[in-house]
Amino acid sequence: MKKQNFKLSSENMQNLESYSTILQKDISTIINEALQDYFENEQKKLLEKNLENENAMTNLDYDEFWDGVEL
């Protein structure tokens, strides 16, 4: 995996340092937990969006569904 450089704002860095002390967790653990939560939330959003799109494609009213069907 290629390493990527990234920058944190000074506010985020200060928060990380503060919460690291308060929670007695190292900064890497806090970042990894935060990213895990972020990815889980984004996955939920994507699944919900896909479900909405799928429902939008299949939600036909009675007349649309039966149009052209002869019984």
N, C-alpha and C. Protein backbone atom coordinates (compact mmCIF):
# COMPACT_ATOMS: atom_id res chain seq x y z
N MET A 1 0.85 -1.18 0.00
CA MET A 1 0.00 0.00 0.00
C MET A 1 0.89 1.24 0.00
N LYS A 2 0.58 2.16 -0.86
CA LYS A 2 1.34 3.39 -0.96
C LYS A 2 0.98 4.31 0.21
N LYS A 3 1.99 4.86 0.85
CA LYS A 3 1.76 5.77 1.97
C LYS A 3 1.33 7.12 1.44
N GLN A 4 0.34 7.69 2.11
CA GLN A 4 -0.16 9.00 1.75
C GLN A 4 0.15 9.99 2.87
N ASN A 5 0.52 11.18 2.51
CA ASN A 5 0.70 12.24 3.49
C ASN A 5 -0.60 12.99 3.63
N PHE A 6 -0.93 13.34 4.84
CA PHE A 6 -2.12 14.16 5.05
C PHE A 6 -1.83 15.15 6.16
N LYS A 7 -2.62 16.19 6.21
CA LYS A 7 -2.43 17.24 7.21
C LYS A 7 -3.70 17.37 8.03
N LEU A 8 -3.53 17.57 9.31
CA LEU A 8 -4.64 17.83 10.21
C LEU A 8 -4.61 19.31 10.58
N SER A 9 -5.78 19.87 10.73
CA SER A 9 -5.84 21.26 11.18
C SER A 9 -5.32 21.34 12.61
N SER A 10 -4.87 22.50 13.00
CA SER A 10 -4.34 22.66 14.36
C SER A 10 -5.45 22.39 15.38
N GLU A 11 -6.68 22.74 15.04
CA GLU A 11 -7.81 22.48 15.95
C GLU A 11 -8.01 20.97 16.15
N ASN A 12 -7.97 20.21 15.06
CA ASN A 12 -8.11 18.76 15.17
C ASN A 12 -6.95 18.14 15.94
N MET A 13 -5.76 18.64 15.73
CA MET A 13 -4.60 18.12 16.44
C MET A 13 -4.71 18.41 17.94
N GLN A 14 -5.17 19.61 18.28
CA GLN A 14 -5.36 19.95 19.69
C GLN A 14 -6.43 19.06 20.32
N ASN A 15 -7.52 18.82 19.57
CA ASN A 15 -8.57 17.94 20.07
C ASN A 15 -8.05 16.52 20.27
N LEU A 16 -7.26 16.03 19.33
CA LEU A 16 -6.68 14.70 19.47
C LEU A 16 -5.81 14.60 20.73
N GLU A 17 -5.00 15.58 20.93
CA GLU A 17 -4.12 15.58 22.10
C GLU A 17 -4.94 15.64 23.39
N SER A 18 -5.97 16.48 23.40
CA SER A 18 -6.81 16.61 24.60
C SER A 18 -7.55 15.32 24.89
N TYR A 19 -8.21 14.76 23.87
CA TYR A 19 -8.97 13.53 24.07
C TYR A 19 -8.06 12.35 24.36
N SER A 20 -6.87 12.35 23.84
CA SER A 20 -5.91 11.31 24.14
C SER A 20 -5.62 11.29 25.64
N THR A 21 -5.47 12.46 26.21
CA THR A 21 -5.21 12.56 27.65
C THR A 21 -6.46 12.18 28.45
N ILE A 22 -7.61 12.73 28.06
CA ILE A 22 -8.85 12.48 28.79
C ILE A 22 -9.23 11.00 28.76
N LEU A 23 -9.15 10.40 27.58
CA LEU A 23 -9.59 9.02 27.40
C LEU A 23 -8.48 8.00 27.68
N GLN A 24 -7.28 8.50 27.88
CA GLN A 24 -6.10 7.65 28.09
C GLN A 24 -5.95 6.65 26.94
N LYS A 25 -6.08 7.18 25.72
CA LYS A 25 -5.87 6.40 24.50
C LYS A 25 -4.82 7.12 23.67
N ASP A 26 -4.06 6.33 22.91
CA ASP A 26 -3.10 7.00 22.05
C ASP A 26 -3.82 7.59 20.83
N ILE A 27 -3.20 8.54 20.22
CA ILE A 27 -3.80 9.27 19.10
C ILE A 27 -4.13 8.35 17.93
N SER A 28 -3.29 7.37 17.65
CA SER A 28 -3.55 6.43 16.55
C SER A 28 -4.84 5.66 16.79
N THR A 29 -5.06 5.25 18.03
CA THR A 29 -6.28 4.52 18.36
C THR A 29 -7.51 5.39 18.14
N ILE A 30 -7.44 6.64 18.57
CA ILE A 30 -8.57 7.56 18.39
C ILE A 30 -8.85 7.78 16.90
N ILE A 31 -7.82 7.98 16.11
CA ILE A 31 -7.99 8.20 14.67
C ILE A 31 -8.58 6.96 14.02
N ASN A 32 -8.06 5.77 14.36
CA ASN A 32 -8.58 4.54 13.77
C ASN A 32 -10.04 4.30 14.16
N GLU A 33 -10.39 4.55 15.42
CA GLU A 33 -11.79 4.40 15.84
C GLU A 33 -12.69 5.39 15.11
N ALA A 34 -12.22 6.62 14.96
CA ALA A 34 -13.02 7.64 14.27
C ALA A 34 -13.21 7.28 12.80
N LEU A 35 -12.17 6.79 12.17
CA LEU A 35 -12.28 6.39 10.76
C LEU A 35 -13.21 5.18 10.61
N GLN A 36 -13.14 4.24 11.52
CA GLN A 36 -14.03 3.08 11.47
C GLN A 36 -15.48 3.53 11.56
N ASP A 37 -15.78 4.44 12.51
CA ASP A 37 -17.14 4.99 12.62
C ASP A 37 -17.55 5.71 11.35
N TYR A 38 -16.65 6.50 10.80
CA TYR A 38 -16.93 7.24 9.58
C TYR A 38 -17.28 6.29 8.43
N PHE A 39 -16.46 5.27 8.23
CA PHE A 39 -16.70 4.33 7.13
C PHE A 39 -17.99 3.55 7.32
N GLU A 40 -18.30 3.18 8.55
CA GLU A 40 -19.56 2.47 8.81
C GLU A 40 -20.75 3.35 8.50
N ASN A 41 -20.69 4.62 8.90
CA ASN A 41 -21.78 5.56 8.62
C ASN A 41 -21.94 5.81 7.13
N GLU A 42 -20.83 5.95 6.42
CA GLU A 42 -20.89 6.17 4.98
C GLU A 42 -21.44 4.94 4.26
N GLN A 43 -21.07 3.75 4.73
CA GLN A 43 -21.60 2.54 4.13
C GLN A 43 -23.12 2.46 4.33
N LYS A 44 -23.59 2.82 5.52
CA LYS A 44 -25.04 2.83 5.78
C LYS A 44 -25.74 3.80 4.83
N LYS A 45 -25.16 4.99 4.67
CA LYS A 45 -25.75 5.99 3.77
C LYS A 45 -25.82 5.46 2.34
N LEU A 46 -24.74 4.83 1.89
CA LEU A 46 -24.71 4.30 0.52
C LEU A 46 -25.74 3.19 0.35
N LEU A 47 -25.86 2.31 1.34
CA LEU A 47 -26.84 1.23 1.25
C LEU A 47 -28.26 1.79 1.23
N GLU A 48 -28.52 2.80 2.07
CA GLU A 48 -29.84 3.42 2.09
C GLU A 48 -30.14 4.10 0.76
N LYS A 49 -29.15 4.78 0.21
CA LYS A 49 -29.33 5.46 -1.07
C LYS A 49 -29.61 4.44 -2.18
N ASN A 50 -28.85 3.35 -2.19
CA ASN A 50 -29.07 2.30 -3.19
C ASN A 50 -30.45 1.69 -3.05
N LEU A 51 -30.89 1.49 -1.83
CA LEU A 51 -32.22 0.93 -1.60
C LEU A 51 -33.30 1.90 -2.08
N GLU A 52 -33.10 3.19 -1.81
CA GLU A 52 -34.06 4.20 -2.28
C GLU A 52 -34.10 4.22 -3.81
N ASN A 53 -32.93 4.16 -4.43
CA ASN A 53 -32.87 4.16 -5.90
C ASN A 53 -33.54 2.92 -6.47
N GLU A 54 -33.31 1.79 -5.83
CA GLU A 54 -33.93 0.55 -6.29
C GLU A 54 -35.44 0.62 -6.13
N ASN A 55 -35.89 1.16 -5.01
CA ASN A 55 -37.34 1.30 -4.79
C ASN A 55 -37.95 2.29 -5.78
N ALA A 56 -37.22 3.33 -6.11
CA ALA A 56 -37.72 4.32 -7.06
C ALA A 56 -37.91 3.68 -8.43
N MET A 57 -37.07 2.73 -8.76
CA MET A 57 -37.15 2.08 -10.07
C MET A 57 -38.28 1.04 -10.12
N THR A 58 -38.68 0.54 -8.97
CA THR A 58 -39.67 -0.54 -8.95
C THR A 58 -41.02 -0.10 -8.42
N ASN A 59 -41.14 1.13 -8.00
CA ASN A 59 -42.41 1.60 -7.45
C ASN A 59 -43.34 2.08 -8.58
N LEU A 60 -44.12 1.16 -9.08
CA LEU A 60 -45.10 1.48 -10.11
C LEU A 60 -46.48 1.49 -9.47
N ASP A 61 -47.31 2.39 -9.94
CA ASP A 61 -48.68 2.34 -9.43
C ASP A 61 -49.42 1.19 -10.11
N TYR A 62 -50.61 0.91 -9.68
CA TYR A 62 -51.38 -0.24 -10.15
C TYR A 62 -51.54 -0.22 -11.67
N ASP A 63 -51.94 0.92 -12.22
CA ASP A 63 -52.17 1.02 -13.67
C ASP A 63 -50.88 0.82 -14.46
N GLU A 64 -49.77 1.40 -13.97
CA GLU A 64 -48.50 1.24 -14.67
C GLU A 64 -48.06 -0.22 -14.66
N PHE A 65 -48.26 -0.89 -13.54
CA PHE A 65 -47.84 -2.27 -13.42
C PHE A 65 -48.61 -3.17 -14.37
N TRP A 66 -49.93 -2.98 -14.44
CA TRP A 66 -50.78 -3.87 -15.21
C TRP A 66 -51.02 -3.40 -16.64
N ASP A 67 -50.45 -2.25 -17.03
CA ASP A 67 -50.67 -1.72 -18.37
C ASP A 67 -50.20 -2.72 -19.42
N GLY A 68 -51.07 -3.08 -20.31
CA GLY A 68 -50.75 -3.97 -21.41
C GLY A 68 -50.86 -5.46 -21.09
N VAL A 69 -51.18 -5.79 -19.84
CA VAL A 69 -51.31 -7.19 -19.47
C VAL A 69 -52.77 -7.61 -19.72
N GLU A 70 -52.91 -8.67 -20.46
CA GLU A 70 -54.25 -9.19 -20.70
C GLU A 70 -54.43 -10.47 -19.91
N LEU A 71 -55.55 -10.52 -19.23
CA LEU A 71 -55.84 -11.72 -18.43
C LEU A 71 -56.93 -12.52 -19.08
